């Protein structure tokens, strides 16, 4: 079972926006040392929308090779084209990913039946565990709990990343699916509460910069250690908030650059963190002991 703190890993780039393979390797080592439970490669935080297909698959391949089975690697392979999602999912399987994360199709606004058929088709086309990803704030496409329930019965579909931040929504999904269907949070600020009612982990932005504490928080929450989990979460709340001062992954890339882990690269249409937000983010990092 894939569970715990799963980092939504950034994709390091240089100032020209070219992929920085050396920094990617350094980040993977960092997460292996800091007890991250799984790596999500080329998801939203990994700038999947601006990588071409060759780059996308190569990032997954390199992470899988370096991790070498020590922790699971989940490959982001979703898109707004069903055929393209099938191709990316098949490529991720071929390079050794343990599972795939498939975001709801953005921009074209499918119906609930369209969502069901989209995800069922991918699951029936590629024999690899697949995790649904619902993030309506970015996709303008909300997969409703009844659709999740239908999809939870499809072989290969093993779970969902529910990133609405709505605990009542998460509770409804949990009530509709079988116990072996994995419900993950995709919202750092509310993740601890979802895990305390049965969620199996958090696919996290904050884990990029505070991986060990996120891992400890997830372990405590899933073990029912309510006070410990909430205490760790409260200590991280300044980061949970400030890492979304601008669109993800703008703030987290700036934070990792400040920590000396990656260069100052991001791809248009995303831009480097605005000067007005750098002070507040730096202050949050200092509060959490990440900077002197």
Protein backbone atom coordinates (compact mmCIF):
# COMPACT_ATOMS: atom_id res chain seq x y z
CA UNK A 1 0.00 0.00 0.00
CA UNK A 2 1.27 3.46 -0.92
CA UNK A 3 0.67 5.69 2.11
CA UNK A 4 2.08 8.50 4.18
CA UNK A 5 3.85 11.66 3.09
CA UNK A 6 4.13 11.74 -0.69
CA UNK A 7 6.05 14.73 -2.01
CA UNK A 8 4.68 16.44 -5.12
CA UNK A 9 8.22 16.99 -6.35
CA UNK A 10 9.26 20.14 -8.19
CA UNK A 11 11.13 19.81 -11.47
CA UNK A 12 14.39 21.79 -11.12
CA UNK A 13 15.32 24.14 -13.97
CA UNK A 14 18.09 26.61 -14.64
CA UNK A 15 17.55 30.33 -15.26
CA UNK A 16 16.83 29.62 -18.94
CA UNK A 17 14.14 27.06 -18.06
CA UNK A 18 16.18 24.01 -19.08
CA UNK A 19 15.90 20.92 -16.88
CA UNK A 20 18.61 20.64 -14.23
CA UNK A 21 19.34 16.94 -13.85
CA UNK A 22 21.98 17.38 -11.16
CA UNK A 23 19.55 19.27 -8.91
CA UNK A 24 16.87 16.66 -9.55
CA UNK A 25 19.24 13.97 -8.31
CA UNK A 26 20.05 16.06 -5.24
CA UNK A 27 16.34 16.46 -4.45
CA UNK A 28 15.70 12.72 -4.72
CA UNK A 29 18.58 12.02 -2.32
CA UNK A 30 17.20 14.66 0.05
CA UNK A 31 13.83 12.91 0.19
CA UNK A 32 15.31 9.47 0.64
CA UNK A 33 17.36 10.78 3.58
CA UNK A 34 14.46 12.72 5.12
CA UNK A 35 12.04 9.75 5.16
CA UNK A 36 9.56 10.85 2.51
CA UNK A 37 7.26 7.88 1.88
CA UNK A 38 6.76 8.28 -1.89
CA UNK A 39 7.65 10.66 -4.71
CA UNK A 40 5.12 12.06 -7.17
CA UNK A 41 7.00 12.91 -10.35
CA UNK A 42 5.78 15.50 -12.86
CA UNK A 43 2.49 16.40 -11.25
CA UNK A 44 1.14 19.93 -11.00
CA UNK A 45 4.02 20.97 -8.75
CA UNK A 46 6.42 19.37 -11.22
CA UNK A 47 5.17 21.69 -14.00
CA UNK A 48 3.69 18.88 -16.05
CA UNK A 49 1.79 21.38 -18.18
CA UNK A 50 5.00 22.88 -19.63
CA UNK A 51 7.21 19.80 -20.06
CA UNK A 52 7.20 18.12 -23.44
CA UNK A 53 6.57 14.38 -23.63
CA UNK A 54 10.24 13.41 -23.92
CA UNK A 55 11.17 15.52 -20.88
CA UNK A 56 8.16 14.25 -18.94
CA UNK A 57 9.08 10.60 -19.39
CA UNK A 58 12.80 11.22 -18.80
CA UNK A 59 12.13 12.88 -15.43
CA UNK A 60 10.10 9.84 -14.36
CA UNK A 61 12.74 7.43 -15.67
CA UNK A 62 15.58 9.12 -13.81
CA UNK A 63 13.68 9.29 -10.52
CA UNK A 64 12.67 5.62 -10.77
CA UNK A 65 16.26 4.61 -11.48
CA UNK A 66 17.69 6.63 -8.61
CA UNK A 67 15.06 5.58 -6.06
CA UNK A 68 15.78 1.96 -7.03
CA UNK A 69 12.74 0.55 -5.27
CA UNK A 70 13.38 2.14 -1.87
CA UNK A 71 10.12 4.10 -1.98
CA UNK A 72 7.27 4.17 -4.52
CA UNK A 73 7.36 6.55 -7.47
CA UNK A 74 4.00 7.82 -8.67
CA UNK A 75 4.07 9.37 -12.14
CA UNK A 76 1.79 12.22 -13.10
CA UNK A 77 0.31 11.15 -16.43
CA UNK A 78 -3.05 12.92 -16.61
CA UNK A 79 -4.18 15.40 -19.22
CA UNK A 80 -7.17 16.77 -21.05
CA UNK A 81 -6.78 14.27 -23.89
CA UNK A 82 -7.68 10.67 -23.12
CA UNK A 83 -5.40 9.31 -25.85
CA UNK A 84 -2.46 11.38 -24.62
CA UNK A 85 -3.09 10.23 -21.05
CA UNK A 86 -3.03 6.61 -22.19
CA UNK A 87 0.27 7.18 -23.99
CA UNK A 88 1.89 8.90 -20.99
CA UNK A 89 0.60 6.26 -18.59
CA UNK A 90 1.98 3.50 -20.79
CA UNK A 91 5.34 5.28 -21.01
CA UNK A 92 5.47 5.66 -17.22
CA UNK A 93 4.77 1.96 -16.80
CA UNK A 94 7.52 1.14 -19.29
CA UNK A 95 10.14 3.12 -17.33
CA UNK A 96 9.17 1.45 -14.06
CA UNK A 97 6.79 3.77 -12.20
CA UNK A 98 4.90 2.08 -9.37
CA UNK A 99 1.63 3.93 -10.00
CA UNK A 100 0.23 6.86 -11.96
CA UNK A 101 -1.61 9.99 -10.86
CA UNK A 102 -4.27 11.16 -13.31
CA UNK A 103 -5.72 14.64 -12.99
CA UNK A 104 -9.24 15.36 -14.19
CA UNK A 105 -9.24 16.69 -17.76
CA UNK A 106 -8.92 20.45 -17.66
CA UNK A 107 -10.34 23.14 -19.97
CA UNK A 108 -12.75 20.97 -21.97
CA UNK A 109 -15.17 20.52 -19.00
CA UNK A 110 -16.40 16.91 -19.44
CA UNK A 111 -19.60 15.62 -17.86
CA UNK A 112 -19.50 13.16 -14.97
CA UNK A 113 -20.15 10.37 -17.48
CA UNK A 114 -17.28 11.69 -19.59
CA UNK A 115 -15.01 11.56 -16.54
CA UNK A 116 -16.06 8.00 -15.79
CA UNK A 117 -15.40 6.84 -19.33
CA UNK A 118 -12.09 8.76 -19.53
CA UNK A 119 -10.62 7.15 -16.42
CA UNK A 120 -12.08 3.72 -17.09
CA UNK A 121 -10.57 3.74 -20.58
CA UNK A 122 -7.09 4.57 -19.24
CA UNK A 123 -7.36 1.90 -16.55
CA UNK A 124 -8.43 -0.71 -19.08
CA UNK A 125 -5.66 0.31 -21.49
CA UNK A 126 -2.63 0.23 -19.16
CA UNK A 127 -2.06 -2.36 -16.43
CA UNK A 128 -0.59 -0.15 -13.71
CA UNK A 129 -2.15 1.08 -10.43
CA UNK A 130 -3.85 4.43 -11.04
CA UNK A 131 -4.78 7.24 -8.65
CA UNK A 132 -7.46 9.75 -9.58
CA UNK A 133 -6.73 13.43 -8.92
CA UNK A 134 -9.51 15.93 -8.26
CA UNK A 135 -8.44 19.58 -8.06
CA UNK A 136 -11.31 21.71 -9.34
CA UNK A 137 -9.63 24.96 -8.31
CA UNK A 138 -7.14 24.42 -11.14
CA UNK A 139 -9.05 22.33 -13.66
CA UNK A 140 -12.57 23.84 -13.48
CA UNK A 141 -13.73 20.22 -13.42
CA UNK A 142 -15.07 18.69 -10.21
CA UNK A 143 -15.31 14.90 -10.01
CA UNK A 144 -18.25 14.22 -7.72
CA UNK A 145 -18.23 11.53 -4.99
CA UNK A 146 -20.72 9.36 -6.87
CA UNK A 147 -18.37 9.28 -9.87
CA UNK A 148 -15.45 8.37 -7.60
CA UNK A 149 -17.57 5.56 -6.18
CA UNK A 150 -18.21 4.19 -9.67
CA UNK A 151 -14.55 4.43 -10.61
CA UNK A 152 -13.40 2.81 -7.35
CA UNK A 153 -14.83 -0.47 -8.68
CA UNK A 154 -12.66 -0.38 -11.82
CA UNK A 155 -9.60 -2.66 -11.65
CA UNK A 156 -6.30 -0.73 -11.56
CA UNK A 157 -7.91 2.37 -10.02
CA UNK A 158 -6.64 2.20 -6.44
CA UNK A 159 -7.30 5.63 -4.96
CA UNK A 160 -7.87 9.35 -5.28
CA UNK A 161 -6.02 12.53 -4.43
CA UNK A 162 -8.83 14.77 -3.19
CA UNK A 163 -7.47 18.31 -3.33
CA UNK A 164 -10.59 20.36 -2.62
CA UNK A 165 -9.56 20.97 0.99
CA UNK A 166 -13.17 20.20 1.93
CA UNK A 167 -13.21 17.69 4.77
CA UNK A 168 -16.92 16.98 4.31
CA UNK A 169 -16.19 16.07 0.67
CA UNK A 170 -13.39 13.77 1.80
CA UNK A 171 -15.68 12.16 4.39
CA UNK A 172 -18.34 11.50 1.75
CA UNK A 173 -15.80 9.86 -0.56
CA UNK A 174 -14.55 7.68 2.29
CA UNK A 175 -18.11 6.61 3.12
CA UNK A 176 -18.82 5.64 -0.50
CA UNK A 177 -15.73 3.54 -1.27
CA UNK A 178 -14.40 0.25 0.08
CA UNK A 179 -11.73 0.26 2.77
CA UNK A 180 -9.03 -0.83 0.35
CA UNK A 181 -9.60 2.23 -1.87
CA UNK A 182 -6.97 4.80 -0.89
CA UNK A 183 -8.12 8.36 -0.23
CA UNK A 184 -5.30 10.90 -0.07
CA UNK A 185 -5.34 14.59 0.71
CA UNK A 186 -3.99 17.04 -1.83
CA UNK A 187 -4.33 20.04 0.48
CA UNK A 188 -1.58 20.52 3.05
CA UNK A 189 -3.56 22.75 5.41
CA UNK A 190 -6.37 20.20 5.90
CA UNK A 191 -4.50 16.95 5.28
CA UNK A 192 -4.16 16.02 8.94
CA UNK A 193 -7.94 16.14 9.44
CA UNK A 194 -8.61 13.91 6.42
CA UNK A 195 -6.07 11.36 7.66
CA UNK A 196 -7.64 11.37 11.12
CA UNK A 197 -10.95 10.20 9.58
CA UNK A 198 -9.40 7.51 7.38
CA UNK A 199 -7.25 9.13 4.70
CA UNK A 200 -4.08 7.20 3.85
CA UNK A 201 -1.68 10.07 3.35
CA UNK A 202 -0.97 13.43 1.79
CA UNK A 203 0.38 14.33 -1.63
CA UNK A 204 2.18 17.40 -0.44
CA UNK A 205 3.74 20.66 -1.59
CA UNK A 206 5.04 21.45 1.91
CA UNK A 207 6.95 18.14 1.93
CA UNK A 208 9.32 19.64 -0.66
CA UNK A 209 10.83 21.88 2.02
CA UNK A 210 9.96 20.11 5.30
CA UNK A 211 9.90 16.42 4.37
CA UNK A 212 10.79 14.85 7.72
CA UNK A 213 8.16 16.74 9.67
CA UNK A 214 5.52 16.02 7.05
CA UNK A 215 6.40 12.33 7.25
CA UNK A 216 6.14 12.41 11.05
CA UNK A 217 2.81 14.22 10.88
CA UNK A 218 1.34 11.72 8.43
CA UNK A 219 2.56 8.76 10.49
CA UNK A 220 1.05 10.20 13.66
CA UNK A 221 -2.28 11.01 12.01
CA UNK A 222 -2.65 7.58 10.43
CA UNK A 223 -1.77 5.98 13.78
CA UNK A 224 -4.54 7.96 15.48
CA UNK A 225 -2.11 10.08 17.50
CA UNK A 226 -4.37 13.10 17.31
CA UNK A 227 -2.53 15.55 19.56
CA UNK A 228 0.90 14.83 18.06
CA UNK A 229 -0.37 15.06 14.49
CA UNK A 230 -2.18 18.34 15.09
CA UNK A 231 0.79 19.80 16.97
CA UNK A 232 3.17 19.10 14.07
CA UNK A 233 0.62 20.39 11.60
CA UNK A 234 0.17 23.62 13.54
CA UNK A 235 3.94 24.17 13.53
CA UNK A 236 3.89 23.84 9.73
CA UNK A 237 0.81 26.01 9.15
CA UNK A 238 2.85 29.14 8.24
CA UNK A 239 4.38 27.13 5.37
CA UNK A 240 1.08 25.59 4.30
CA UNK A 241 -0.28 29.12 3.84
CA UNK A 242 2.73 30.95 2.42
CA UNK A 243 3.55 28.28 -0.17
CA UNK A 244 0.35 29.37 -1.93
CA UNK A 245 0.91 33.13 -1.89
CA UNK A 246 1.18 32.80 -5.66
CA UNK A 247 0.30 29.89 -7.92
CA UNK A 248 2.02 26.62 -7.05
CA UNK A 249 4.89 25.86 -7.73
CA UNK A 250 6.09 29.48 -7.80
CA UNK A 251 6.54 29.87 -4.00
CA UNK A 252 7.93 26.38 -3.34
CA UNK A 253 10.57 26.75 -6.07
CA UNK A 254 11.64 30.06 -4.56
CA UNK A 255 11.82 28.42 -1.11
CA UNK A 256 13.94 25.53 -2.38
CA UNK A 257 16.24 28.00 -4.09
CA UNK A 258 16.63 29.87 -0.79
CA UNK A 259 17.55 26.55 0.84
CA UNK A 260 20.26 26.03 -1.79
CA UNK A 261 18.64 22.93 -3.27
CA UNK A 262 17.70 24.16 -6.76
CA UNK A 263 18.59 27.03 -9.12
CA UNK A 264 16.19 29.88 -9.90
CA UNK A 265 14.42 28.36 -12.90
CA UNK A 266 10.74 28.16 -13.81
CA UNK A 267 8.93 28.03 -17.14
CA UNK A 268 6.60 30.58 -18.63
CA UNK A 269 3.78 31.31 -18.23
CA UNK A 270 4.87 30.88 -14.58
CA UNK A 271 7.26 33.54 -13.29
CA UNK A 272 9.63 33.80 -10.34
CA UNK A 273 8.06 34.75 -6.99
CA UNK A 274 7.10 38.43 -6.84
CA UNK A 275 9.32 40.54 -4.54
CA UNK A 276 6.27 41.50 -2.45
CA UNK A 277 5.84 37.87 -1.36
CA UNK A 278 9.48 36.97 -0.78
CA UNK A 279 9.64 38.57 2.67
CA UNK A 280 6.51 36.85 4.00
CA UNK A 281 7.64 33.46 2.65
CA UNK A 282 11.12 33.90 4.09
CA UNK A 283 9.57 34.76 7.46
CA UNK A 284 7.46 31.60 7.37
CA UNK A 285 10.52 29.52 6.56
CA UNK A 286 12.38 31.08 9.47
CA UNK A 287 9.45 30.38 11.80
CA UNK A 288 9.64 26.72 10.76
CA UNK A 289 13.42 26.54 11.22
CA UNK A 290 14.27 26.14 7.54
CA UNK A 291 16.38 29.29 7.32
CA UNK A 292 18.67 30.98 9.83
